[in-house]
Amino acid sequence: RGGGGDAAGLGLVAAGHPLLGAAVEFADRGGCLLTGRLSRSGVSWLADHEVAGSVLVPGAALVEWALRAGDEVGCAAVEELMLQAPVVVPEASGLRVQVVVD
């Protein structure tokens, strides 16, 4: 069957965050997935986070994503967040974001 449809009918709800567009609960276990997309053209302040020619997602945005995902499952705080590598926003394609709480 082709065409679009009602996202809510697919189990998606608005994520309630400016950088995350939708949330969906896992059908087979507790937890959820929040998803969104960042692009250099869509989020003007990203240009302020250029380092050596690469635009990086600021750490504050990563904390915001973790806090918002925690809210979905009733966890109101982030005790520790470890970043192993910078998150780079590609110049042309943007960045698809998925935050999983399990």
PDB file of N, CA and C in Angstrom:
ATOM      1  N   ARG A   1       0.847  -1.169   0.000  1.00  0.00           N
ATOM      2  CA  ARG A   1       0.000   0.000   0.000  1.00  0.00           C
ATOM      3  C   ARG A   1       0.892   1.232   0.000  1.00  0.00           C
ATOM      4  N   GLY A   2       0.653   2.181  -0.840  1.00  0.00           N
ATOM      5  CA  GLY A   2       1.497   3.360  -0.945  1.00  0.00           C
ATOM      6  C   GLY A   2       0.891   4.550  -0.250  1.00  0.00           C
ATOM      7  N   GLY A   3       1.591   5.661  -0.304  1.00  0.00           N
ATOM      8  CA  GLY A   3       1.076   6.911   0.244  1.00  0.00           C
ATOM      9  C   GLY A   3       1.464   7.114   1.682  1.00  0.00           C
ATOM     10  N   GLY A   4       1.127   8.298   2.164  1.00  0.00           N
ATOM     11  CA  GLY A   4       1.431   8.651   3.542  1.00  0.00           C
ATOM     12  C   GLY A   4       0.338   8.187   4.463  1.00  0.00           C
ATOM     13  N   GLY A   5       0.481   8.546   5.694  1.00  0.00           N
ATOM     14  CA  GLY A   5      -0.523   8.165   6.671  1.00  0.00           C
ATOM     15  C   GLY A   5      -0.376   8.983   7.920  1.00  0.00           C
ATOM     16  N   ASP A   6      -1.245   8.703   8.837  1.00  0.00           N
ATOM     17  CA  ASP A   6      -1.228   9.378  10.121  1.00  0.00           C
ATOM     18  C   ASP A   6      -0.110   8.783  10.968  1.00  0.00           C
ATOM     19  N   ALA A   7       0.876   9.608  11.346  1.00  0.00           N
ATOM     20  CA  ALA A   7       2.011   9.112  12.127  1.00  0.00           C
ATOM     21  C   ALA A   7       1.555   8.512  13.452  1.00  0.00           C
ATOM     22  N   ALA A   8       0.524   9.074  14.066  1.00  0.00           N
ATOM     23  CA  ALA A   8       0.020   8.526  15.325  1.00  0.00           C
ATOM     24  C   ALA A   8      -0.511   7.114  15.117  1.00  0.00           C
ATOM     25  N   GLY A   9      -1.077   6.845  13.966  1.00  0.00           N
ATOM     26  CA  GLY A   9      -1.555   5.508  13.654  1.00  0.00           C
ATOM     27  C   GLY A   9      -0.428   4.501  13.527  1.00  0.00           C
ATOM     28  N   LEU A  10       0.785   4.991  13.339  1.00  0.00           N
ATOM     29  CA  LEU A  10       1.962   4.131  13.268  1.00  0.00           C
ATOM     30  C   LEU A  10       2.655   3.992  14.622  1.00  0.00           C
ATOM     31  N   GLY A  11       2.095   4.607  15.643  1.00  0.00           N
ATOM     32  CA  GLY A  11       2.680   4.539  16.979  1.00  0.00           C
ATOM     33  C   GLY A  11       3.588   5.694  17.322  1.00  0.00           C
ATOM     34  N   LEU A  12       3.722   6.671  16.447  1.00  0.00           N
ATOM     35  CA  LEU A  12       4.586   7.823  16.702  1.00  0.00           C
ATOM     36  C   LEU A  12       3.809   8.936  17.381  1.00  0.00           C
ATOM     37  N   VAL A  13       4.473   9.621  18.294  1.00  0.00           N
ATOM     38  CA  VAL A  13       3.905  10.816  18.907  1.00  0.00           C
ATOM     39  C   VAL A  13       4.946  11.923  18.825  1.00  0.00           C
ATOM     40  N   ALA A  14       4.512  13.159  18.901  1.00  0.00           N
ATOM     41  CA  ALA A  14       5.448  14.282  18.897  1.00  0.00           C
ATOM     42  C   ALA A  14       6.371  14.164  20.107  1.00  0.00           C
ATOM     43  N   ALA A  15       7.651  14.405  19.884  1.00  0.00           N
ATOM     44  CA  ALA A  15       8.643  14.252  20.949  1.00  0.00           C
ATOM     45  C   ALA A  15       8.642  15.417  21.926  1.00  0.00           C
ATOM     46  N   GLY A  16       8.052  16.541  21.554  1.00  0.00           N
ATOM     47  CA  GLY A  16       8.018  17.686  22.457  1.00  0.00           C
ATOM     48  C   GLY A  16       9.376  18.309  22.697  1.00  0.00           C
ATOM     49  N   HIS A  17      10.240  18.269  21.693  1.00  0.00           N
ATOM     50  CA  HIS A  17      11.576  18.844  21.798  1.00  0.00           C
ATOM     51  C   HIS A  17      11.928  19.445  20.450  1.00  0.00           C
ATOM     52  N   PRO A  18      12.555  20.632  20.423  1.00  0.00           N
ATOM     53  CA  PRO A  18      12.835  21.279  19.136  1.00  0.00           C
ATOM     54  C   PRO A  18      13.803  20.514  18.234  1.00  0.00           C
ATOM     55  N   LEU A  19      14.627  19.632  18.783  1.00  0.00           N
ATOM     56  CA  LEU A  19      15.590  18.894  17.966  1.00  0.00           C
ATOM     57  C   LEU A  19      15.209  17.431  17.757  1.00  0.00           C
ATOM     58  N   LEU A  20      14.144  16.989  18.398  1.00  0.00           N
ATOM     59  CA  LEU A  20      13.674  15.610  18.253  1.00  0.00           C
ATOM     60  C   LEU A  20      12.225  15.667  17.788  1.00  0.00           C
ATOM     61  N   GLY A  21      11.932  15.046  16.669  1.00  0.00           N
ATOM     62  CA  GLY A  21      10.613  15.192  16.071  1.00  0.00           C
ATOM     63  C   GLY A  21       9.562  14.215  16.548  1.00  0.00           C
ATOM     64  N   ALA A  22       9.957  12.968  16.843  1.00  0.00           N
ATOM     65  CA  ALA A  22       8.959  11.959  17.162  1.00  0.00           C
ATOM     66  C   ALA A  22       9.491  10.976  18.190  1.00  0.00           C
ATOM     67  N   ALA A  23       8.554  10.321  18.866  1.00  0.00           N
ATOM     68  CA  ALA A  23       8.897   9.288  19.838  1.00  0.00           C
ATOM     69  C   ALA A  23       7.994   8.093  19.598  1.00  0.00           C
ATOM     70  N   VAL A  24       8.515   6.915  19.868  1.00  0.00           N
ATOM     71  CA  VAL A  24       7.730   5.689  19.754  1.00  0.00           C
ATOM     72  C   VAL A  24       8.155   4.744  20.877  1.00  0.00           C
ATOM     73  N   GLU A  25       7.180   4.136  21.526  1.00  0.00           N
ATOM     74  CA  GLU A  25       7.466   3.140  22.560  1.00  0.00           C
ATOM     75  C   GLU A  25       7.744   1.809  21.882  1.00  0.00           C
ATOM     76  N   PHE A  26       8.667   1.029  22.443  1.00  0.00           N
ATOM     77  CA  PHE A  26       8.937  -0.297  21.916  1.00  0.00           C
ATOM     78  C   PHE A  26       7.733  -1.193  22.196  1.00  0.00           C
ATOM     79  N   ALA A  27       7.331  -1.966  21.230  1.00  0.00           N
ATOM     80  CA  ALA A  27       6.162  -2.825  21.378  1.00  0.00           C
ATOM     81  C   ALA A  27       6.451  -4.053  22.227  1.00  0.00           C
ATOM     82  N   ASP A  28       7.691  -4.524  22.236  1.00  0.00           N
ATOM     83  CA  ASP A  28       7.999  -5.800  22.875  1.00  0.00           C
ATOM     84  C   ASP A  28       8.721  -5.692  24.214  1.00  0.00           C
ATOM     85  N   ARG A  29       8.973  -4.473  24.683  1.00  0.00           N
ATOM     86  CA  ARG A  29       9.684  -4.294  25.960  1.00  0.00           C
ATOM     87  C   ARG A  29       9.488  -2.856  26.422  1.00  0.00           C
ATOM     88  N   GLY A  30       9.932  -2.531  27.597  1.00  0.00           N
ATOM     89  CA  GLY A  30       9.889  -1.156  28.058  1.00  0.00           C
ATOM     90  C   GLY A  30      10.904  -0.320  27.301  1.00  0.00           C
ATOM     91  N   GLY A  31      10.752   0.960  27.341  1.00  0.00           N
ATOM     92  CA  GLY A  31      11.692   1.855  26.685  1.00  0.00           C
ATOM     93  C   GLY A  31      11.092   2.489  25.455  1.00  0.00           C
ATOM     94  N   CYS A  32      11.889   3.357  24.829  1.00  0.00           N
ATOM     95  CA  CYS A  32      11.384   4.078  23.657  1.00  0.00           C
ATOM     96  C   CYS A  32      12.539   4.557  22.795  1.00  0.00           C
ATOM     97  N   LEU A  33      12.166   5.046  21.630  1.00  0.00           N
ATOM     98  CA  LEU A  33      13.101   5.624  20.683  1.00  0.00           C
ATOM     99  C   LEU A  33      12.592   7.005  20.314  1.00  0.00           C
ATOM    100  N   LEU A  34      13.458   8.003  20.404  1.00  0.00           N
ATOM    101  CA  LEU A  34      13.146   9.353  19.936  1.00  0.00           C
ATOM    102  C   LEU A  34      14.014   9.605  18.715  1.00  0.00           C
ATOM    103  N   THR A  35      13.456  10.284  17.740  1.00  0.00           N
ATOM    104  CA  THR A  35      14.175  10.475  16.492  1.00  0.00           C
ATOM    105  C   THR A  35      14.030  11.908  15.987  1.00  0.00           C
ATOM    106  N   GLY A  36      14.994  12.344  15.232  1.00  0.00           N
ATOM    107  CA  GLY A  36      14.967  13.681  14.655  1.00  0.00           C
ATOM    108  C   GLY A  36      16.034  13.801  13.584  1.00  0.00           C
ATOM    109  N   ARG A  37      16.197  14.986  13.084  1.00  0.00           N
ATOM    110  CA  ARG A  37      17.203  15.256  12.054  1.00  0.00           C
ATOM    111  C   ARG A  37      17.765  16.655  12.259  1.00  0.00           C
ATOM    112  N   LEU A  38      19.082  16.747  12.218  1.00  0.00           N
ATOM    113  CA  LEU A  38      19.769  18.035  12.319  1.00  0.00           C
ATOM    114  C   LEU A  38      20.434  18.329  10.989  1.00  0.00           C
ATOM    115  N   SER A  39      20.349  19.569  10.573  1.00  0.00           N
ATOM    116  CA  SER A  39      21.093  19.979   9.386  1.00  0.00           C
ATOM    117  C   SER A  39      21.658  21.368   9.643  1.00  0.00           C
ATOM    118  N   ARG A  40      22.717  21.662   8.966  1.00  0.00           N
ATOM    119  CA  ARG A  40      23.350  22.972   9.114  1.00  0.00           C
ATOM    120  C   ARG A  40      22.410  24.084   8.687  1.00  0.00           C
ATOM    121  N   SER A  41      21.590  23.814   7.673  1.00  0.00           N
ATOM    122  CA  SER A  41      20.672  24.838   7.203  1.00  0.00           C
ATOM    123  C   SER A  41      19.421  24.936   8.074  1.00  0.00           C
ATOM    124  N   GLY A  42      19.038  23.869   8.739  1.00  0.00           N
ATOM    125  CA  GLY A  42      17.818  23.873   9.532  1.00  0.00           C
ATOM    126  C   GLY A  42      17.974  24.404  10.943  1.00  0.00           C
ATOM    127  N   VAL A  43      19.184  24.354  11.483  1.00  0.00           N
ATOM    128  CA  VAL A  43      19.458  24.810  12.849  1.00  0.00           C
ATOM    129  C   VAL A  43      20.596  25.820  12.760  1.00  0.00           C
ATOM    130  N   SER A  44      20.231  27.088  12.715  1.00  0.00           N
ATOM    131  CA  SER A  44      21.213  28.138  12.424  1.00  0.00           C
ATOM    132  C   SER A  44      22.362  28.206  13.425  1.00  0.00           C
ATOM    133  N   TRP A  45      22.108  27.935  14.701  1.00  0.00           N
ATOM    134  CA  TRP A  45      23.164  28.068  15.706  1.00  0.00           C
ATOM    135  C   TRP A  45      24.221  26.973  15.617  1.00  0.00           C
ATOM    136  N   LEU A  46      23.974  25.917  14.841  1.00  0.00           N
ATOM    137  CA  LEU A  46      24.997  24.879  14.691  1.00  0.00           C
ATOM    138  C   LEU A  46      26.277  25.436  14.093  1.00  0.00           C
ATOM    139  N   ALA A  47      26.147  26.443  13.236  1.00  0.00           N
ATOM    140  CA  ALA A  47      27.330  27.044  12.608  1.00  0.00           C
ATOM    141  C   ALA A  47      28.286  27.628  13.648  1.00  0.00           C
ATOM    142  N   ASP A  48      27.774  27.956  14.826  1.00  0.00           N
ATOM    143  CA  ASP A  48      28.613  28.500  15.903  1.00  0.00           C
ATOM    144  C   ASP A  48      29.486  27.420  16.543  1.00  0.00           C
ATOM    145  N   HIS A  49      29.273  26.167  16.165  1.00  0.00           N
ATOM    146  CA  HIS A  49      29.999  25.047  16.777  1.00  0.00           C
ATOM    147  C   HIS A  49      30.912  24.354  15.770  1.00  0.00           C
ATOM    148  N   GLU A  50      31.538  25.177  14.923  1.00  0.00           N
ATOM    149  CA  GLU A  50      32.473  24.645  13.943  1.00  0.00           C
ATOM    150  C   GLU A  50      33.864  24.572  14.548  1.00  0.00           C
ATOM    151  N   VAL A  51      34.488  23.404  14.385  1.00  0.00           N
ATOM    152  CA  VAL A  51      35.839  23.178  14.886  1.00  0.00           C
ATOM    153  C   VAL A  51      36.647  22.541  13.753  1.00  0.00           C
ATOM    154  N   ALA A  52      37.693  23.186  13.339  1.00  0.00           N
ATOM    155  CA  ALA A  52      38.574  22.681  12.281  1.00  0.00           C
ATOM    156  C   ALA A  52      37.794  22.280  11.033  1.00  0.00           C
ATOM    157  N   GLY A  53      36.810  23.089  10.670  1.00  0.00           N
ATOM    158  CA  GLY A  53      36.042  22.848   9.461  1.00  0.00           C
ATOM    159  C   GLY A  53      34.865  21.900   9.600  1.00  0.00           C
ATOM    160  N   SER A  54      34.694  21.293  10.767  1.00  0.00           N
ATOM    161  CA  SER A  54      33.572  20.384  11.010  1.00  0.00           C
ATOM    162  C   SER A  54      32.607  21.008  12.005  1.00  0.00           C
ATOM    163  N   VAL A  55      31.309  20.855  11.748  1.00  0.00           N
ATOM    164  CA  VAL A  55      30.303  21.334  12.689  1.00  0.00           C
ATOM    165  C   VAL A  55      29.980  20.183  13.638  1.00  0.00           C
ATOM    166  N   LEU A  56      30.131  20.458  14.929  1.00  0.00           N
ATOM    167  CA  LEU A  56      29.907  19.441  15.957  1.00  0.00           C
ATOM    168  C   LEU A  56      28.622  19.730  16.722  1.00  0.00           C
ATOM    169  N   VAL A  57      27.917  18.665  17.102  1.00  0.00           N
ATOM    170  CA  VAL A  57      26.753  18.818  17.969  1.00  0.00           C
ATOM    171  C   VAL A  57      27.293  19.183  19.352  1.00  0.00           C
ATOM    172  N   PRO A  58      26.849  20.290  19.938  1.00  0.00           N
ATOM    173  CA  PRO A  58      27.357  20.676  21.257  1.00  0.00           C
ATOM    174  C   PRO A  58      26.913  19.691  22.339  1.00  0.00           C
ATOM    175  N   GLY A  59      27.758  19.559  23.341  1.00  0.00           N
ATOM    176  CA  GLY A  59      27.460  18.651  24.446  1.00  0.00           C
ATOM    177  C   GLY A  59      26.129  18.958  25.113  1.00  0.00           C
ATOM    178  N   ALA A  60      25.768  20.226  25.195  1.00  0.00           N
ATOM    179  CA  ALA A  60      24.488  20.601  25.819  1.00  0.00           C
ATOM    180  C   ALA A  60      23.317  19.981  25.066  1.00  0.00           C
ATOM    181  N   ALA A  61      23.405  19.878  23.742  1.00  0.00           N
ATOM    182  CA  ALA A  61      22.332  19.253  22.960  1.00  0.00           C
ATOM    183  C   ALA A  61      22.242  17.767  23.269  1.00  0.00           C
ATOM    184  N   LEU A  62      23.389  17.119  23.439  1.00  0.00           N
ATOM    185  CA  LEU A  62      23.385  15.693  23.781  1.00  0.00           C
ATOM    186  C   LEU A  62      22.733  15.464  25.141  1.00  0.00           C
ATOM    187  N   VAL A  63      23.028  16.323  26.092  1.00  0.00           N
ATOM    188  CA  VAL A  63      22.393  16.219  27.417  1.00  0.00           C
ATOM    189  C   VAL A  63      20.891  16.447  27.299  1.00  0.00           C
ATOM    190  N   GLU A  64      20.490  17.433  26.502  1.00  0.00           N
ATOM    191  CA  GLU A  64      19.061  17.695  26.277  1.00  0.00           C
ATOM    192  C   GLU A  64      18.364  16.470  25.715  1.00  0.00           C
ATOM    193  N   TRP A  65      18.992  15.799  24.741  1.00  0.00           N
ATOM    194  CA  TRP A  65      18.397  14.590  24.154  1.00  0.00           C
ATOM    195  C   TRP A  65      18.246  13.509  25.213  1.00  0.00           C
ATOM    196  N   ALA A  66      19.272  13.320  26.020  1.00  0.00           N
ATOM    197  CA  ALA A  66      19.206  12.295  27.063  1.00  0.00           C
ATOM    198  C   ALA A  66      18.128  12.621  28.101  1.00  0.00           C
ATOM    199  N   LEU A  67      18.037  13.884  28.491  1.00  0.00           N
ATOM    200  CA  LEU A  67      16.995  14.288  29.452  1.00  0.00           C
ATOM    201  C   LEU A  67      15.599  14.088  28.881  1.00  0.00           C
ATOM    202  N   ARG A  68      15.407  14.466  27.628  1.00  0.00           N
ATOM    203  CA  ARG A  68      14.088  14.312  27.012  1.00  0.00           C
ATOM    204  C   ARG A  68      13.705  12.841  26.887  1.00  0.00           C
ATOM    205  N   ALA A  69      14.659  11.995  26.512  1.00  0.00           N
ATOM    206  CA  ALA A  69      14.399  10.554  26.422  1.00  0.00           C
ATOM    207  C   ALA A  69      14.099   9.976  27.800  1.00  0.00           C
ATOM    208  N   GLY A  70      14.816  10.423  28.813  1.00  0.00           N
ATOM    209  CA  GLY A  70      14.549   9.974  30.174  1.00  0.00           C
ATOM    210  C   GLY A  70      13.155  10.342  30.642  1.00  0.00           C
ATOM    211  N   ASP A  71      12.700  11.526  30.249  1.00  0.00           N
ATOM    212  CA  ASP A  71      11.333  11.944  30.596  1.00  0.00           C
ATOM    213  C   ASP A  71      10.295  10.952  30.085  1.00  0.00           C
ATOM    214  N   GLU A  72      10.538  10.377  28.925  1.00  0.00           N
ATOM    215  CA  GLU A  72       9.595   9.427  28.329  1.00  0.00           C
ATOM    216  C   GLU A  72       9.388   8.196  29.201  1.00  0.00           C
ATOM    217  N   VAL A  73      10.408   7.824  29.963  1.00  0.00           N
ATOM    218  CA  VAL A  73      10.322   6.604  30.776  1.00  0.00           C
ATOM    219  C   VAL A  73      10.328   6.902  32.278  1.00  0.00           C
ATOM    220  N   GLY A  74      10.113   8.156  32.634  1.00  0.00           N
ATOM    221  CA  GLY A  74      10.004   8.515  34.044  1.00  0.00           C
ATOM    222  C   GLY A  74      11.322   8.689  34.773  1.00  0.00           C
ATOM    223  N   CYS A  75      12.383   8.955  34.049  1.00  0.00           N
ATOM    224  CA  CYS A  75      13.700   9.202  34.655  1.00  0.00           C
ATOM    225  C   CYS A  75      14.016  10.685  34.473  1.00  0.00           C
ATOM    226  N   ALA A  76      14.098  11.415  35.581  1.00  0.00           N
ATOM    227  CA  ALA A  76      14.197  12.873  35.509  1.00  0.00           C
ATOM    228  C   ALA A  76      15.622  13.421  35.534  1.00  0.00           C
ATOM    229  N   ALA A  77      16.631  12.561  35.602  1.00  0.00           N
ATOM    230  CA  ALA A  77      17.999  13.065  35.714  1.00  0.00           C
ATOM    231  C   ALA A  77      18.967  12.214  34.906  1.00  0.00           C
ATOM    232  N   VAL A  78      20.056  12.837  34.501  1.00  0.00           N
ATOM    233  CA  VAL A  78      21.165  12.133  33.866  1.00  0.00           C
ATOM    234  C   VAL A  78      22.302  12.153  34.878  1.00  0.00           C
ATOM    235  N   GLU A  79      22.693  10.996  35.331  1.00  0.00           N
ATOM    236  CA  GLU A  79      23.761  10.925  36.333  1.00  0.00           C
ATOM    237  C   GLU A  79      25.135  11.053  35.685  1.00  0.00           C
ATOM    238  N   GLU A  80      25.301  10.430  34.532  1.00  0.00           N
ATOM    239  CA  GLU A  80      26.587  10.482  33.843  1.00  0.00           C
ATOM    240  C   GLU A  80      26.341  10.330  32.351  1.00  0.00           C
ATOM    241  N   LEU A  81      27.048  11.109  31.548  1.00  0.00           N
ATOM    242  CA  LEU A  81      26.972  11.004  30.098  1.00  0.00           C
ATOM    243  C   LEU A  81      28.398  11.048  29.575  1.00  0.00           C
ATOM    244  N   MET A  82      28.813   9.973  28.926  1.00  0.00           N
ATOM    245  CA  MET A  82      30.179   9.888  28.426  1.00  0.00           C
ATOM    246  C   MET A  82      30.157   9.943  26.898  1.00  0.00           C
ATOM    247  N   LEU A  83      30.925  10.832  26.344  1.00  0.00           N
ATOM    248  CA  LEU A  83      31.020  10.984  24.901  1.00  0.00           C
ATOM    249  C   LEU A  83      32.369  10.430  24.464  1.00  0.00           C
ATOM    250  N   GLN A  84      32.333   9.407  23.602  1.00  0.00           N
ATOM    251  CA  GLN A  84      33.578   8.784  23.157  1.00  0.00           C
ATOM    252  C   GLN A  84      34.180   9.475  21.941  1.00  0.00           C
ATOM    253  N   ALA A  85      33.337  10.137  21.154  1.00  0.00           N
ATOM    254  CA  ALA A  85      33.815  10.843  19.969  1.00  0.00           C
ATOM    255  C   ALA A  85      32.852  11.983  19.678  1.00  0.00           C
ATOM    256  N   PRO A  86      33.344  13.054  19.087  1.00  0.00           N
ATOM    257  CA  PRO A  86      32.443  14.165  18.735  1.00  0.00           C
ATOM    258  C   PRO A  86      31.388  13.707  17.734  1.00  0.00           C
ATOM    259  N   VAL A  87      30.219  14.309  17.790  1.00  0.00           N
ATOM    260  CA  VAL A  87      29.150  14.023  16.838  1.00  0.00           C
ATOM    261  C   VAL A  87      29.204  15.114  15.773  1.00  0.00           C
ATOM    262  N   VAL A  88      29.541  14.720  14.552  1.00  0.00           N
ATOM    263  CA  VAL A  88      29.732  15.651  13.449  1.00  0.00           C
ATOM    264  C   VAL A  88      28.454  15.734  12.621  1.00  0.00           C
ATOM    265  N   VAL A  89      28.060  16.953  12.273  1.00  0.00           N
ATOM    266  CA  VAL A  89      26.916  17.168  11.389  1.00  0.00           C
ATOM    267  C   VAL A  89      27.456  17.262   9.965  1.00  0.00           C
ATOM    268  N   PRO A  90      27.132  16.277   9.106  1.00  0.00           N
ATOM    269  CA  PRO A  90      27.628  16.323   7.724  1.00  0.00           C
ATOM    270  C   PRO A  90      27.176  17.600   7.004  1.00  0.00           C
ATOM    271  N   GLU A  91      28.026  18.088   6.127  1.00  0.00           N
ATOM    272  CA  GLU A  91      27.755  19.363   5.463  1.00  0.00           C
ATOM    273  C   GLU A  91      26.518  19.293   4.563  1.00  0.00           C
ATOM    274  N   ALA A  92      26.401  18.262   3.759  1.00  0.00           N
ATOM    275  CA  ALA A  92      25.325  18.224   2.769  1.00  0.00           C
ATOM    276  C   ALA A  92      24.069  17.509   3.253  1.00  0.00           C
ATOM    277  N   SER A  93      24.238  16.379   3.902  1.00  0.00           N
ATOM    278  CA  SER A  93      23.080  15.524   4.173  1.00  0.00           C
ATOM    279  C   SER A  93      22.406  15.756   5.514  1.00  0.00           C
ATOM    280  N   GLY A  94      23.049  16.385   6.430  1.00  0.00           N
ATOM    281  CA  GLY A  94      22.494  16.503   7.771  1.00  0.00           C
ATOM    282  C   GLY A  94      22.744  15.236   8.570  1.00  0.00           C
ATOM    283  N   LEU A  95      22.172  15.176   9.738  1.00  0.00           N
ATOM    284  CA  LEU A  95      22.426  14.082  10.676  1.00  0.00           C
ATOM    285  C   LEU A  95      21.103  13.524  11.166  1.00  0.00           C
ATOM    286  N   ARG A  96      20.888  12.225  10.958  1.00  0.00           N
ATOM    287  CA  ARG A  96      19.724  11.573  11.532  1.00  0.00           C
ATOM    288  C   ARG A  96      20.068  11.202  12.966  1.00  0.00           C
ATOM    289  N   VAL A  97      19.153  11.539  13.873  1.00  0.00           N
ATOM    290  CA  VAL A  97      19.389  11.330  15.300  1.00  0.00           C
ATOM    291  C   VAL A  97      18.412  10.291  15.819  1.00  0.00           C
ATOM    292  N   GLN A  98      18.909   9.342  16.593  1.00  0.00           N
ATOM    293  CA  GLN A  98      18.057   8.387  17.292  1.00  0.00           C
ATOM    294  C   GLN A  98      18.569   8.266  18.721  1.00  0.00           C
ATOM    295  N   VAL A  99      17.673   8.492  19.675  1.00  0.00           N
ATOM    296  CA  VAL A  99      18.003   8.368  21.090  1.00  0.00           C
ATOM    297  C   VAL A  99      17.181   7.217  21.627  1.00  0.00           C
ATOM    298  N   VAL A 100      17.840   6.201  22.156  1.00  0.00           N
ATOM    299  CA  VAL A 100      17.166   5.002  22.649  1.00  0.00           C
ATOM    300  C   VAL A 100      17.255   4.935  24.165  1.00  0.00           C
ATOM    301  N   VAL A 101      16.114   4.690  24.798  1.00  0.00           N
ATOM    302  CA  VAL A 101      16.077   4.439  26.234  1.00  0.00           C
ATOM    303  C   VAL A 101      15.556   3.037  26.399  1.00  0.00           C
ATOM    304  N   ASP A 102      16.316   2.197  27.044  1.00  0.00           N
ATOM    305  CA  ASP A 102      15.944   0.799  27.176  1.00  0.00           C
ATOM    306  C   ASP A 102      16.054   0.343  28.601  1.00  0.00           C
TER     307      ASP A 102
END
